[in-house]
Amino acid sequence: MSKTSRLSSLRRKGALRAHGLHGAVQTLRARHAFLARFLIEVDPNGELPQSERKRRARYLLRAYMIGLALRRHADRSLDKTKNAARVRGGASEVPDDGGHPSTES
């Protein structure tokens, strides 16, 4: 198990334990603040009925989460490309001569 996956597992274990002992009370205020952001974005002046505001805010939340997933995928793809080039000794590495053609014959 790599160091990163071990740390990730330890963090997940800690979070699950905290939720098991205390419920979701610890994160309640943060979740409300996070969701309020979408309610305000949907209806900054508070003119829509509450049910419509919540319905639209759920769509914005879903769009936000999909955007995060897309960025995560793009970052991982970029990391794989960089790692593959490094293993092959490819373009991501700078030549020792600074990239200039040799003048020696």
Protein backbone atom coordinates (compact mmCIF):
# COMPACT_ATOMS: atom_id res chain seq x y z
CA MET A 1 0.00 0.00 0.00
CA SER A 2 1.43 3.36 -0.99
CA LYS A 3 1.89 6.13 1.56
CA THR A 4 -0.83 8.20 -0.12
CA SER A 5 -3.44 5.43 -0.07
CA ARG A 6 -2.53 4.57 3.54
CA LEU A 7 -3.05 8.20 4.61
CA SER A 8 -6.30 8.32 2.69
CA SER A 9 -7.53 5.17 4.41
CA LEU A 10 -6.57 6.51 7.84
CA ARG A 11 -8.44 9.76 7.15
CA ARG A 12 -11.52 7.87 5.97
CA LYS A 13 -11.38 5.67 9.06
CA GLY A 14 -11.20 8.72 11.31
CA ALA A 15 -14.11 10.42 9.56
CA LEU A 16 -16.26 7.30 9.74
CA ARG A 17 -15.46 6.88 13.42
CA ALA A 18 -16.35 10.51 14.16
CA HIS A 19 -19.64 10.20 12.29
CA GLY A 20 -20.39 6.94 14.07
CA LEU A 21 -19.83 8.47 17.50
CA HIS A 22 -21.25 11.96 16.96
CA GLY A 23 -23.45 11.75 13.88
CA ALA A 24 -23.22 14.50 11.30
CA VAL A 25 -23.56 17.25 13.94
CA GLN A 26 -19.92 18.26 13.56
CA THR A 27 -20.36 19.25 9.92
CA LEU A 28 -23.92 20.59 10.06
CA ARG A 29 -23.02 24.30 9.99
CA ALA A 30 -20.51 23.83 7.19
CA ARG A 31 -23.00 21.87 5.07
CA HIS A 32 -25.67 24.54 5.56
CA ALA A 33 -23.25 27.29 4.55
CA PHE A 34 -22.14 25.32 1.49
CA LEU A 35 -25.72 24.71 0.35
CA ALA A 36 -26.75 28.32 1.09
CA ARG A 37 -24.27 29.40 -1.55
CA PHE A 38 -26.37 27.71 -4.25
CA LEU A 39 -29.65 29.07 -2.87
CA ILE A 40 -28.25 32.60 -3.03
CA GLU A 41 -26.89 32.06 -6.52
CA VAL A 42 -30.30 30.85 -7.75
CA ASP A 43 -32.31 33.66 -6.19
CA PRO A 44 -30.19 36.49 -4.76
CA ASN A 45 -33.25 38.67 -4.02
CA GLY A 46 -35.38 35.91 -2.46
CA GLU A 47 -38.23 36.38 -4.96
CA LEU A 48 -38.84 32.72 -5.85
CA PRO A 49 -40.95 30.36 -3.74
CA GLN A 50 -38.82 28.25 -1.35
CA SER A 51 -39.62 25.00 -3.17
CA GLU A 52 -38.47 26.46 -6.51
CA ARG A 53 -35.29 27.87 -4.97
CA LYS A 54 -34.42 24.45 -3.53
CA ARG A 55 -35.19 22.68 -6.80
CA ARG A 56 -32.94 25.01 -8.80
CA ALA A 57 -30.21 24.96 -6.15
CA ARG A 58 -30.08 21.16 -6.36
CA TYR A 59 -29.39 21.47 -10.10
CA LEU A 60 -26.59 23.95 -9.46
CA LEU A 61 -25.13 21.65 -6.80
CA ARG A 62 -25.16 18.72 -9.21
CA ALA A 63 -23.51 20.85 -11.92
CA TYR A 64 -20.86 21.96 -9.42
CA MET A 65 -20.10 18.37 -8.40
CA ILE A 66 -19.84 17.26 -12.03
CA GLY A 67 -17.42 20.13 -12.65
CA LEU A 68 -15.27 18.95 -9.74
CA ALA A 69 -15.26 15.40 -11.12
CA LEU A 70 -14.25 16.65 -14.57
CA ARG A 71 -11.38 18.69 -13.14
CA ARG A 72 -10.24 15.72 -11.08
CA HIS A 73 -10.29 13.52 -14.16
CA ALA A 74 -8.34 16.10 -16.18
CA ASP A 75 -5.73 16.44 -13.41
CA ARG A 76 -5.32 12.68 -13.15
CA SER A 77 -4.99 12.35 -16.92
CA LEU A 78 -2.33 15.06 -16.93
CA ASP A 79 -0.47 13.33 -14.08
CA LYS A 80 -0.54 10.01 -15.98
CA THR A 81 0.80 11.71 -19.09
CA LYS A 82 3.63 13.35 -17.15
CA ASN A 83 4.51 10.10 -15.38
CA ALA A 84 4.49 8.11 -18.62
CA ALA A 85 6.78 10.65 -20.30
CA ARG A 86 9.12 10.59 -17.31
CA VAL A 87 9.33 6.78 -17.37
CA ARG A 88 10.04 6.80 -21.10
CA GLY A 89 12.57 9.61 -20.69
CA GLY A 90 10.35 11.67 -22.93
CA ALA A 91 9.50 15.26 -23.57
CA SER A 92 8.75 16.30 -20.00
CA GLU A 93 12.42 16.00 -19.06
CA VAL A 94 14.87 18.79 -19.88
CA PRO A 95 18.07 17.59 -21.57
CA ASP A 96 21.30 18.08 -19.62
CA ASP A 97 22.61 20.48 -22.25
CA GLY A 98 19.69 22.86 -21.70
CA GLY A 99 18.05 21.79 -24.96
CA HIS A 100 20.56 23.47 -27.23
CA PRO A 101 22.03 21.60 -30.21
CA SER A 102 25.58 20.51 -29.77
CA THR A 103 28.23 22.64 -31.51
CA GLU A 104 30.86 19.91 -31.25
CA SER A 105 31.65 17.84 -34.35
